Amino acid sequence: MPISSKLSWLPIVAFIATPTQLNADEYQQWLQAQETEYHQYQSAQDKAFSGFLTKAWRSYQVDQGLVRDTKPKPVVMPIAPPPVVSTPRLDPEKTTQPAPVKPVEIKTIPLPPPVVSAPVITPPVQPSPLGESLQLKFYGVPVTLSYNKKIKVHLGQKITNKAISQFWDKLSSIDSTTLQQQLEQYRKELELNDWGYAMFLHRVGRQLYADRENEALLFTWFILSKSGYDARVGFSGSNVHLMLPTQDELFGLPFFRYSGKKYYVVKFDDQAPTIKSLYSYDGRYPGADQLFSLAITQLPEIKKQPVQRKLNFTFSGEAHEIDVTYDRNIIAYFDTYPVTELNIYFTSAVSDQLLYTLLSSLKPLLEGHSEEEAVNLLLRFVQTAFDYKTDGDQFGREKYFFAEELFFYQFSDCEDRSVLFAFLVNSLLGLDVIALDYPGHVATAVHFNTPVKGASVSYKGKRYTIADPTYINANAGAVMPNLKSTSPNIIPLVFQDNSK
């Protein structure tokens, strides 16, 4: 999380050690002087940036979006042939019994989550003489903000760099410190990552500016810049566009390159903008250099909406039924998430409801099994309890699933199932898992403590047996026939600690 704009903008003199021999009145005068100097410094920087925005902007050609994998996925998944089981011939002269199989050690299941429908958040409202109150709901959580009514600037119909400069100038001429502090406090209370915070600011902007999208995006840009993020805006025709550089690649979103970075044109709905060029400025707001991270180390504290689902599968001739509870509101939160690098999905957190119910349902089925048998059982669950369909057929576009999403959508494909399987192997068995990125396909591989026959890959001196969660009825060590001669790219995975 970037440091607050106030700290990042304090003049050098503000970092001189505080006088220690001052009485209370003198100390307050010293603090006021520092505050005045800070505002003068900030005002000068804002005016300089506003003036910079009035200068000629230039047209940037926009790339229509990166494609992570150009090879189409198979429309129908193959079914593995039954494994060949050989019956060993018994030698009557030998009476030695085979060594018993060591049961897999199953990790401790987290305690059930408390029954709380929505987090309790105390509104950090600080009244202002010129303030007004704003109310909205962010994924079911009530939000109340106090703000200066002068912040409601109307951009006008004609979008130009001068109009955008005037918008910045008017917002920066208002003391928005109190509003920024409230927004940052909500971010902490809601436990929002970078993308979640941008979504939150956009929702606030839509409420402030009566659903006028251009103003909402400019407000988001203004607050993000003040918060230390390297955010940019541009325009094409009558539309303002918000651009963000990220630590991880984004796919399917238009972008342009500036100063060695990709600036993605982002939207906060599920429709990527279609633009060929836009006008934007060179340079950036001083001190705003934070790149966006898409990693989800913890889910946002939003209203919970538990939904139950039953799943069925068969392993070794025995039918099983799994009862799980997932969070529908988390699914809604993920709806607008941009498609990013695969490791983000593999290592993301899941809701407490899904974590407890899913692991508790599967744990009894794994007890007494060897590592190999336990992995095969989890494979069979992921392979057969969900219906297959490519993203193109289901959504008309590429959409990778976080683990939670498999339990809501009717269909899933290879990377989605690999995400869930890797999560289960790590959470239940504690075995190392890596992701395998083939052309047109994603699978996984597991490092066993005892040798397992079949296909494998080597990574950092360790043998990982291939385990494909989409190859129906395939056990660990089996590879789809069309991939046997293909070497995959290896994606290392570092998982969240679910034991807390």
Protein backbone atom coordinates (compact mmCIF):
# COMPACT_ATOMS: atom_id res chain seq x y z
CA MET A 1 0.00 0.00 0.00
CA PRO A 2 1.45 3.38 -0.93
CA ILE A 3 2.20 5.90 1.75
CA SER A 4 -0.31 8.67 2.20
CA SER A 5 -0.10 11.64 -0.12
CA LYS A 6 0.51 13.96 2.78
CA LEU A 7 3.61 12.12 3.91
CA SER A 8 4.92 11.78 0.38
CA TRP A 9 4.49 15.50 -0.27
CA LEU A 10 5.81 17.02 2.95
CA PRO A 11 8.62 19.46 2.20
CA ILE A 12 12.06 18.56 3.40
CA VAL A 13 11.84 20.91 6.34
CA ALA A 14 8.95 18.85 7.72
CA PHE A 15 11.32 15.96 8.33
CA ILE A 16 13.62 17.96 10.58
CA ALA A 17 13.44 16.69 14.14
CA THR A 18 10.58 18.18 16.17
CA PRO A 19 11.78 20.78 18.71
CA THR A 20 11.86 19.26 22.16
CA GLN A 21 12.15 22.39 24.32
CA LEU A 22 8.87 24.07 23.24
CA ASN A 23 5.92 24.58 25.55
CA ALA A 24 2.41 23.54 24.50
CA ASP A 25 1.49 26.82 22.77
CA GLU A 26 4.83 27.05 20.97
CA TYR A 27 4.52 23.43 19.86
CA GLN A 28 1.06 24.06 18.39
CA GLN A 29 2.41 27.10 16.55
CA TRP A 30 5.24 24.97 15.19
CA LEU A 31 2.79 22.31 13.99
CA GLN A 32 0.60 24.94 12.35
CA ALA A 33 3.61 26.41 10.57
CA GLN A 34 4.56 22.98 9.25
CA GLU A 35 0.98 22.40 8.07
CA THR A 36 0.88 25.78 6.34
CA GLU A 37 4.17 25.10 4.61
CA TYR A 38 2.93 21.72 3.49
CA HIS A 39 -0.25 23.17 1.96
CA GLN A 40 1.75 25.90 0.23
CA TYR A 41 4.09 23.31 -1.19
CA GLN A 42 1.22 21.07 -2.27
CA SER A 43 -0.65 23.99 -3.81
CA ALA A 44 2.40 24.97 -5.84
CA GLN A 45 2.85 21.41 -7.10
CA ASP A 46 -0.84 21.06 -8.01
CA LYS A 47 -0.82 24.35 -9.89
CA ALA A 48 2.31 23.33 -11.74
CA PHE A 49 0.76 20.00 -12.73
CA SER A 50 -2.51 21.67 -13.72
CA GLY A 51 -0.60 24.08 -15.93
CA PHE A 52 1.33 21.17 -17.39
CA LEU A 53 -1.97 19.53 -18.37
CA THR A 54 -2.96 22.59 -20.42
CA LYS A 55 -0.01 22.05 -22.75
CA ALA A 56 -0.43 20.17 -25.99
CA TRP A 57 -1.31 16.52 -25.56
CA ARG A 58 -0.38 13.99 -28.19
CA SER A 59 -2.10 11.06 -29.76
CA TYR A 60 -1.08 7.58 -28.61
CA GLN A 61 -1.75 4.50 -30.70
CA VAL A 62 -3.46 1.87 -28.59
CA ASP A 63 -2.71 -1.83 -28.74
CA GLN A 64 -5.94 -3.81 -28.61
CA GLY A 65 -4.82 -6.12 -25.83
CA LEU A 66 -2.46 -8.96 -25.01
CA VAL A 67 -3.46 -12.57 -25.60
CA ARG A 68 -1.90 -14.96 -23.10
CA ASP A 69 -2.35 -18.09 -25.19
CA THR A 70 -3.15 -17.99 -28.90
CA LYS A 71 -3.83 -21.71 -29.26
CA PRO A 72 -7.53 -22.62 -28.85
CA LYS A 73 -8.52 -24.92 -26.03
CA PRO A 74 -10.12 -28.26 -26.90
CA VAL A 75 -13.90 -28.11 -27.06
CA VAL A 76 -14.26 -31.59 -25.56
CA MET A 77 -11.91 -33.01 -22.95
CA PRO A 78 -10.55 -36.52 -23.57
CA ILE A 79 -11.30 -39.39 -21.23
CA ALA A 80 -8.36 -41.39 -19.95
CA PRO A 81 -8.41 -45.16 -20.56
CA PRO A 82 -8.80 -47.33 -17.46
CA PRO A 83 -5.44 -47.96 -15.78
CA VAL A 84 -3.91 -51.36 -16.41
CA VAL A 85 -3.97 -53.30 -13.16
CA SER A 86 -1.60 -56.26 -13.07
CA THR A 87 -2.08 -59.04 -10.53
CA PRO A 88 1.31 -60.17 -9.21
CA ARG A 89 2.01 -63.90 -9.21
CA LEU A 90 2.36 -65.30 -5.72
CA ASP A 91 5.42 -67.34 -4.88
CA PRO A 92 4.49 -69.98 -2.30
CA GLU A 93 8.11 -70.11 -1.20
CA LYS A 94 7.97 -66.48 -0.08
CA THR A 95 5.88 -65.51 2.88
CA THR A 96 7.05 -61.91 3.29
CA GLN A 97 4.10 -59.53 3.23
CA PRO A 98 4.41 -56.23 1.35
CA ALA A 99 5.10 -53.22 3.50
CA PRO A 100 1.90 -51.43 4.51
CA VAL A 101 1.16 -48.20 2.69
CA LYS A 102 1.75 -45.13 4.82
CA PRO A 103 -1.42 -43.02 5.05
CA VAL A 104 -1.12 -39.43 3.92
CA GLU A 105 -0.92 -36.82 6.64
CA ILE A 106 -3.86 -34.42 6.28
CA LYS A 107 -3.45 -30.82 7.36
CA THR A 108 -5.56 -29.28 10.11
CA ILE A 109 -8.84 -27.87 8.88
CA PRO A 110 -9.50 -24.22 9.85
CA LEU A 111 -12.24 -23.58 12.37
CA PRO A 112 -15.71 -22.74 11.02
CA PRO A 113 -16.15 -19.02 10.33
CA PRO A 114 -18.36 -16.94 12.64
CA VAL A 115 -21.87 -16.22 11.41
CA VAL A 116 -21.57 -12.58 10.34
CA SER A 117 -23.56 -11.28 7.39
CA ALA A 118 -21.71 -7.98 7.01
CA PRO A 119 -18.66 -6.39 8.64
CA VAL A 120 -19.27 -3.66 11.18
CA ILE A 121 -17.47 -0.53 9.99
CA THR A 122 -17.58 2.74 11.89
CA PRO A 123 -17.90 5.56 9.34
CA PRO A 124 -14.82 7.78 9.62
CA VAL A 125 -16.88 10.94 9.04
CA GLN A 126 -15.33 14.25 10.03
CA PRO A 127 -17.81 17.13 9.57
CA SER A 128 -16.70 20.18 7.64
CA PRO A 129 -18.27 23.68 7.68
CA LEU A 130 -18.83 23.34 3.94
CA GLY A 131 -19.36 19.60 4.07
CA GLU A 132 -22.12 17.42 2.72
CA SER A 133 -22.82 13.79 3.43
CA LEU A 134 -22.62 11.02 0.84
CA GLN A 135 -24.11 7.54 1.32
CA LEU A 136 -23.68 4.46 -0.85
CA LYS A 137 -23.24 0.72 -0.51
CA PHE A 138 -20.09 -1.06 -1.59
CA TYR A 139 -21.00 -4.72 -2.08
CA GLY A 140 -23.55 -4.48 0.70
CA VAL A 141 -21.43 -2.44 3.16
CA PRO A 142 -22.86 1.01 3.99
CA VAL A 143 -20.43 3.83 3.26
CA THR A 144 -20.84 7.36 4.61
CA LEU A 145 -18.50 10.18 3.60
CA SER A 146 -18.30 13.86 4.42
CA TYR A 147 -17.04 16.08 1.58
CA ASN A 148 -16.77 19.68 0.42
CA LYS A 149 -19.65 20.42 -1.94
CA LYS A 150 -17.31 22.38 -4.23
CA ILE A 151 -15.81 19.06 -5.31
CA LYS A 152 -18.82 18.52 -7.60
CA VAL A 153 -17.23 19.92 -10.76
CA HIS A 154 -19.07 19.47 -14.07
CA LEU A 155 -16.71 18.61 -16.91
CA GLY A 156 -18.98 19.71 -19.73
CA GLN A 157 -19.83 18.04 -23.02
CA LYS A 158 -16.64 18.78 -24.97
CA ILE A 159 -13.66 16.84 -23.64
CA THR A 160 -10.31 18.58 -24.10
CA ASN A 161 -7.04 18.64 -22.25
CA LYS A 162 -7.94 22.13 -21.04
CA ALA A 163 -11.21 20.86 -19.57
CA ILE A 164 -9.36 18.04 -17.79
CA SER A 165 -6.77 20.52 -16.51
CA GLN A 166 -9.54 22.74 -15.13
CA PHE A 167 -11.10 19.70 -13.41
CA TRP A 168 -7.78 18.95 -11.69
CA ASP A 169 -7.28 22.60 -10.83
CA LYS A 170 -10.71 22.92 -9.18
CA LEU A 171 -10.37 19.71 -7.17
CA SER A 172 -6.85 20.55 -6.03
CA SER A 173 -7.94 24.06 -4.97
CA ILE A 174 -10.26 22.45 -2.41
CA ASP A 175 -8.80 21.06 0.78
CA SER A 176 -9.68 17.40 0.21
CA THR A 177 -7.40 16.06 2.95
CA THR A 178 -10.34 15.05 5.13
CA LEU A 179 -12.03 13.20 2.27
CA GLN A 180 -8.80 11.42 1.34
CA GLN A 181 -8.35 10.32 4.94
CA GLN A 182 -11.89 8.92 5.03
CA LEU A 183 -11.38 7.05 1.76
CA GLU A 184 -8.12 5.57 3.01
CA GLN A 185 -9.77 4.54 6.28
CA TYR A 186 -12.52 2.72 4.39
CA ARG A 187 -9.88 1.02 2.31
CA LYS A 188 -8.26 -0.34 5.47
CA GLU A 189 -11.58 -1.37 7.04
CA LEU A 190 -12.74 -3.09 3.84
CA GLU A 191 -9.29 -4.69 3.39
CA LEU A 192 -9.14 -3.73 -0.27
CA ASN A 193 -6.20 -4.50 -2.51
CA ASP A 194 -5.12 -2.03 -5.20
CA TRP A 195 -7.79 -3.03 -7.71
CA GLY A 196 -10.48 -3.08 -5.02
CA TYR A 197 -9.51 0.42 -3.93
CA ALA A 198 -9.74 1.71 -7.50
CA MET A 199 -13.20 0.13 -7.81
CA PHE A 200 -14.22 1.71 -4.51
CA LEU A 201 -13.08 5.17 -5.63
CA HIS A 202 -14.96 4.74 -8.89
CA ARG A 203 -18.16 3.83 -7.02
CA VAL A 204 -17.74 6.95 -4.86
CA GLY A 205 -17.14 9.01 -7.99
CA ARG A 206 -20.27 7.66 -9.66
CA GLN A 207 -22.28 8.63 -6.59
CA LEU A 208 -20.68 12.08 -6.32
CA TYR A 209 -21.19 12.96 -9.97
CA ALA A 210 -24.65 11.48 -10.52
CA ASP A 211 -23.43 8.56 -12.65
CA ARG A 212 -21.49 10.78 -15.06
CA GLU A 213 -18.74 8.36 -16.05
CA ASN A 214 -16.20 10.92 -17.26
CA GLU A 215 -16.24 12.80 -13.96
CA ALA A 216 -16.18 9.55 -11.98
CA LEU A 217 -13.03 8.42 -13.81
CA LEU A 218 -11.36 11.81 -13.34
CA PHE A 219 -12.18 11.72 -9.63
CA THR A 220 -10.67 8.22 -9.40
CA TRP A 221 -7.55 9.47 -11.22
CA PHE A 222 -7.26 12.46 -8.89
CA ILE A 223 -7.48 10.43 -5.67
CA LEU A 224 -5.20 7.65 -6.96
CA SER A 225 -2.58 10.22 -7.96
CA LYS A 226 -2.83 11.88 -4.56
CA SER A 227 -2.43 8.41 -2.99
CA GLY A 228 0.86 7.86 -4.81
CA TYR A 229 -0.32 5.68 -7.72
CA ASP A 230 0.99 6.16 -11.25
CA ALA A 231 -2.46 6.76 -12.74
CA ARG A 232 -3.06 8.57 -16.03
CA VAL A 233 -6.05 9.79 -18.00
CA GLY A 234 -6.67 10.44 -21.67
CA PHE A 235 -9.62 11.02 -23.95
CA SER A 236 -10.95 9.95 -27.31
CA GLY A 237 -14.02 11.63 -28.73
CA SER A 238 -16.38 12.36 -25.86
CA ASN A 239 -14.99 9.73 -23.50
CA VAL A 240 -12.41 10.00 -20.73
CA HIS A 241 -10.21 6.94 -20.19
CA LEU A 242 -8.35 5.89 -17.04
CA MET A 243 -5.01 4.12 -17.56
CA LEU A 244 -3.08 2.14 -14.95
CA PRO A 245 0.33 0.42 -15.10
CA THR A 246 0.40 -2.89 -13.23
CA GLN A 247 2.96 -5.22 -11.68
CA ASP A 248 1.37 -8.11 -13.58
CA GLU A 249 0.33 -8.35 -17.22
CA LEU A 250 -3.35 -7.77 -18.03
CA PHE A 251 -4.95 -9.57 -20.95
CA GLY A 252 -7.69 -8.42 -23.30
CA LEU A 253 -7.44 -4.74 -22.25
CA PRO A 254 -6.20 -2.05 -24.66
CA PHE A 255 -3.00 -0.30 -23.62
CA PHE A 256 -0.33 2.10 -24.80
CA ARG A 257 3.33 2.29 -23.93
CA TYR A 258 4.92 5.24 -22.21
CA SER A 259 8.36 5.46 -20.65
CA GLY A 260 8.85 1.70 -20.84
CA LYS A 261 5.51 0.84 -19.15
CA LYS A 262 2.21 -0.51 -20.41
CA TYR A 263 -0.68 1.71 -19.36
CA TYR A 264 -3.87 -0.37 -19.51
CA VAL A 265 -7.16 1.33 -20.31
CA VAL A 266 -9.31 -0.04 -17.49
CA LYS A 267 -13.05 -0.25 -17.01
CA PHE A 268 -14.97 -1.15 -13.89
CA ASP A 269 -17.56 -3.29 -15.63
CA ASP A 270 -17.15 -6.46 -17.68
CA GLN A 271 -16.84 -4.71 -21.04
CA ALA A 272 -13.37 -3.80 -22.28
CA PRO A 273 -13.30 -0.46 -24.13
CA THR A 274 -12.66 -0.51 -27.87
CA ILE A 275 -10.37 2.33 -28.90
CA LYS A 276 -7.63 2.67 -31.50
CA SER A 277 -6.01 5.86 -30.23
CA LEU A 278 -6.35 8.45 -27.49
CA TYR A 279 -4.89 11.76 -26.42
CA SER A 280 -2.83 11.92 -23.26
CA TYR A 281 -0.01 13.90 -21.72
CA ASP A 282 3.65 13.18 -21.22
CA GLY A 283 5.05 12.99 -17.71
CA ARG A 284 3.15 12.22 -14.52
CA TYR A 285 2.05 13.76 -11.24
CA PRO A 286 5.22 14.22 -9.14
CA GLY A 287 5.70 11.49 -6.57
CA ALA A 288 3.00 9.23 -8.02
CA ASP A 289 4.99 6.15 -9.07
CA GLN A 290 3.23 3.19 -7.40
CA LEU A 291 2.38 0.33 -9.77
CA PHE A 292 -0.90 -1.52 -9.29
CA SER A 293 -0.85 -5.03 -7.89
CA LEU A 294 -3.61 -7.52 -8.74
CA ALA A 295 -2.60 -10.01 -6.02
CA ILE A 296 -5.35 -11.01 -3.57
CA THR A 297 -3.71 -11.97 -0.29
CA GLN A 298 -7.01 -11.57 1.54
CA LEU A 299 -10.59 -11.16 0.38
CA PRO A 300 -12.38 -7.86 0.94
CA GLU A 301 -14.51 -7.42 4.04
CA ILE A 302 -17.82 -7.08 2.25
CA LYS A 303 -21.31 -8.37 3.00
CA LYS A 304 -21.45 -12.15 3.02
CA GLN A 305 -23.99 -13.94 0.86
CA PRO A 306 -23.60 -17.69 1.49
CA VAL A 307 -24.94 -20.11 -1.10
CA GLN A 308 -24.94 -23.89 -0.70
CA ARG A 309 -24.20 -26.39 -3.46
CA LYS A 310 -23.95 -30.17 -3.68
CA LEU A 311 -21.37 -31.86 -5.90
CA ASN A 312 -21.12 -35.54 -6.80
CA PHE A 313 -18.27 -37.71 -8.04
CA THR A 314 -17.15 -41.35 -7.97
CA PHE A 315 -13.74 -42.69 -7.00
CA SER A 316 -12.73 -46.36 -7.06
CA GLY A 317 -16.35 -47.36 -7.62
CA GLU A 318 -17.64 -45.45 -4.59
CA ALA A 319 -19.99 -42.49 -5.01
CA HIS A 320 -19.47 -39.36 -2.92
CA GLU A 321 -21.52 -36.22 -2.34
CA ILE A 322 -19.82 -32.99 -1.28
CA ASP A 323 -21.66 -30.13 0.45
CA VAL A 324 -20.03 -26.72 0.07
CA THR A 325 -20.93 -23.12 0.81
CA TYR A 326 -19.48 -20.34 -1.30
CA ASP A 327 -19.91 -16.56 -1.13
CA ARG A 328 -22.08 -15.14 -3.92
CA ASN A 329 -21.01 -11.58 -3.12
CA ILE A 330 -17.37 -12.48 -3.64
CA ILE A 331 -18.37 -13.77 -7.08
CA ALA A 332 -19.93 -10.35 -7.80
CA TYR A 333 -16.70 -8.68 -6.65
CA PHE A 334 -14.70 -10.84 -9.07
CA ASP A 335 -17.03 -10.02 -11.99
CA THR A 336 -15.10 -6.86 -12.87
CA TYR A 337 -11.62 -8.23 -12.15
CA PRO A 338 -9.37 -7.95 -15.22
CA VAL A 339 -7.81 -11.10 -16.64
CA THR A 340 -4.24 -11.24 -15.36
CA GLU A 341 -1.35 -13.67 -14.79
CA LEU A 342 -2.25 -17.25 -13.87
CA ASN A 343 -0.28 -17.28 -10.62
CA ILE A 344 -2.65 -14.60 -9.23
CA TYR A 345 -5.58 -17.05 -9.52
CA PHE A 346 -3.66 -20.04 -8.18
CA THR A 347 -2.54 -18.28 -5.01
CA SER A 348 -5.58 -16.12 -4.22
CA ALA A 349 -7.44 -16.34 -0.93
CA VAL A 350 -10.88 -17.98 -0.71
CA SER A 351 -13.83 -17.18 1.52
CA ASP A 352 -13.99 -18.63 5.03
CA GLN A 353 -17.25 -20.39 4.17
CA LEU A 354 -15.80 -22.21 1.17
CA LEU A 355 -12.52 -22.95 2.94
CA TYR A 356 -14.19 -24.66 5.89
CA THR A 357 -17.03 -26.51 4.12
CA LEU A 358 -14.98 -27.76 1.19
CA LEU A 359 -12.01 -28.99 3.20
CA SER A 360 -14.25 -30.49 5.91
CA SER A 361 -16.23 -32.43 3.29
CA LEU A 362 -13.17 -33.83 1.55
CA LYS A 363 -10.97 -34.61 4.56
CA PRO A 364 -12.84 -37.77 5.69
CA LEU A 365 -12.60 -39.18 2.16
CA LEU A 366 -8.81 -38.84 2.18
CA GLU A 367 -8.11 -40.42 5.55
CA GLY A 368 -6.32 -43.77 5.37
CA HIS A 369 -5.21 -43.26 1.76
CA SER A 370 -1.65 -43.01 0.55
CA GLU A 371 -0.38 -39.76 -0.92
CA GLU A 372 -0.90 -41.07 -4.45
CA GLU A 373 -4.43 -42.31 -3.73
CA ALA A 374 -5.34 -39.04 -2.01
CA VAL A 375 -4.12 -36.99 -4.97
CA ASN A 376 -6.02 -39.26 -7.37
CA LEU A 377 -9.20 -38.82 -5.32
CA LEU A 378 -8.85 -35.04 -5.49
CA LEU A 379 -8.17 -35.32 -9.21
CA ARG A 380 -11.35 -37.32 -9.74
CA PHE A 381 -13.38 -34.79 -7.76
CA VAL A 382 -12.18 -31.84 -9.84
CA GLN A 383 -12.27 -33.77 -13.13
CA THR A 384 -15.82 -35.07 -12.85
CA ALA A 385 -17.85 -32.96 -10.38
CA PHE A 386 -17.87 -29.95 -12.73
CA ASP A 387 -19.10 -29.65 -16.32
CA TYR A 388 -16.59 -28.57 -18.96
CA LYS A 389 -16.92 -25.73 -21.45
CA THR A 390 -14.36 -23.26 -22.80
CA ASP A 391 -14.53 -19.60 -21.82
CA GLY A 392 -15.23 -18.68 -25.43
CA ASP A 393 -18.33 -20.89 -25.48
CA GLN A 394 -19.53 -19.81 -22.02
CA PHE A 395 -18.66 -16.09 -22.01
CA GLY A 396 -17.60 -15.19 -25.53
CA ARG A 397 -14.20 -14.11 -24.15
CA GLU A 398 -11.37 -15.36 -21.97
CA LYS A 399 -12.19 -15.38 -18.25
CA TYR A 400 -10.03 -17.11 -15.69
CA PHE A 401 -11.68 -18.28 -12.48
CA PHE A 402 -10.61 -17.77 -8.92
CA ALA A 403 -11.28 -20.96 -6.94
CA GLU A 404 -14.54 -19.58 -5.52
CA GLU A 405 -16.01 -19.03 -8.98
CA LEU A 406 -16.05 -22.71 -9.98
CA PHE A 407 -18.85 -23.31 -7.51
CA PHE A 408 -21.07 -20.60 -8.99
CA TYR A 409 -20.72 -20.91 -12.76
CA GLN A 410 -22.23 -23.88 -14.56
CA PHE A 411 -19.08 -24.66 -16.56
CA SER A 412 -15.32 -24.42 -16.14
CA ASP A 413 -12.24 -25.21 -18.19
CA CYS A 414 -8.63 -26.30 -17.72
CA GLU A 415 -7.00 -23.37 -15.89
CA ASP A 416 -10.03 -23.02 -13.60
CA ARG A 417 -9.87 -26.65 -12.52
CA SER A 418 -6.10 -26.50 -12.12
CA VAL A 419 -6.53 -23.54 -9.76
CA LEU A 420 -8.98 -25.47 -7.58
CA PHE A 421 -6.97 -28.71 -7.61
CA ALA A 422 -3.73 -26.99 -6.64
CA PHE A 423 -5.54 -25.24 -3.80
CA LEU A 424 -6.91 -28.56 -2.50
CA VAL A 425 -3.59 -30.40 -2.69
CA ASN A 426 -1.85 -27.61 -0.83
CA SER A 427 -4.60 -27.03 1.76
CA LEU A 428 -5.35 -30.68 2.54
CA LEU A 429 -2.15 -32.59 1.82
CA GLY A 430 0.51 -29.92 2.15
CA LEU A 431 2.31 -31.18 -0.97
CA ASP A 432 4.23 -28.86 -3.28
CA VAL A 433 2.36 -28.06 -6.49
CA ILE A 434 3.39 -26.23 -9.65
CA ALA A 435 1.29 -25.12 -12.61
CA LEU A 436 2.07 -26.36 -16.11
CA ASP A 437 1.33 -23.98 -18.98
CA TYR A 438 0.98 -25.86 -22.27
CA PRO A 439 -0.07 -24.26 -25.57
CA GLY A 440 -3.87 -24.28 -25.32
CA HIS A 441 -3.96 -26.06 -21.97
CA VAL A 442 -3.11 -25.67 -18.27
CA ALA A 443 -2.42 -28.53 -15.84
CA THR A 444 -0.48 -29.11 -12.62
CA ALA A 445 2.26 -31.32 -11.20
CA VAL A 446 2.74 -32.58 -7.65
CA HIS A 447 5.91 -33.37 -5.73
CA PHE A 448 5.32 -36.63 -3.83
CA ASN A 449 7.36 -37.74 -0.85
CA THR A 450 7.54 -41.24 -2.30
CA PRO A 451 8.12 -42.06 -6.00
CA VAL A 452 5.03 -42.23 -8.21
CA LYS A 453 5.13 -43.80 -11.66
CA GLY A 454 4.24 -41.81 -14.74
CA ALA A 455 5.12 -38.62 -16.57
CA SER A 456 6.90 -35.90 -14.63
CA VAL A 457 8.80 -32.65 -14.91
CA SER A 458 11.83 -31.44 -13.00
CA TYR A 459 11.88 -28.11 -11.21
CA LYS A 460 14.67 -26.86 -8.94
CA GLY A 461 16.07 -30.35 -8.54
CA LYS A 462 12.76 -31.94 -7.53
CA ARG A 463 10.57 -34.36 -9.48
CA TYR A 464 6.95 -33.30 -9.95
CA THR A 465 4.50 -35.90 -11.22
CA ILE A 466 2.03 -34.51 -13.73
CA ALA A 467 -1.55 -34.37 -12.43
CA ASP A 468 -4.12 -33.09 -14.92
CA PRO A 469 -7.39 -31.92 -13.33
CA THR A 470 -9.13 -31.75 -16.73
CA TYR A 471 -8.09 -35.09 -18.24
CA ILE A 472 -11.17 -37.05 -17.17
CA ASN A 473 -10.51 -40.12 -15.01
CA ALA A 474 -6.73 -39.70 -15.38
CA ASN A 475 -4.57 -40.52 -12.37
CA ALA A 476 -1.34 -38.79 -11.39
CA GLY A 477 1.33 -39.49 -13.99
CA ALA A 478 -1.04 -39.51 -16.97
CA VAL A 479 -0.68 -36.96 -19.78
CA MET A 480 -3.15 -36.14 -22.54
CA PRO A 481 -2.08 -37.96 -25.74
CA ASN A 482 -1.66 -34.73 -27.72
CA LEU A 483 0.68 -33.25 -25.07
CA LYS A 484 3.07 -36.15 -24.51
CA SER A 485 5.76 -34.60 -26.69
CA THR A 486 5.19 -31.02 -25.48
CA SER A 487 7.28 -29.39 -22.77
CA PRO A 488 5.18 -26.99 -20.67
CA ASN A 489 6.25 -23.73 -19.10
CA ILE A 490 6.46 -24.08 -15.33
CA ILE A 491 4.70 -21.58 -13.06
CA PRO A 492 5.91 -21.79 -9.44
CA LEU A 493 3.22 -21.24 -6.82
CA VAL A 494 3.37 -19.73 -3.33
CA PHE A 495 0.09 -20.30 -1.49
CA GLN A 496 -1.72 -18.42 1.25
CA ASP A 497 -1.51 -19.84 4.77
CA ASN A 498 -5.01 -21.19 5.44
CA SER A 499 -4.22 -22.46 8.93
CA LYS A 500 -4.75 -19.06 10.56
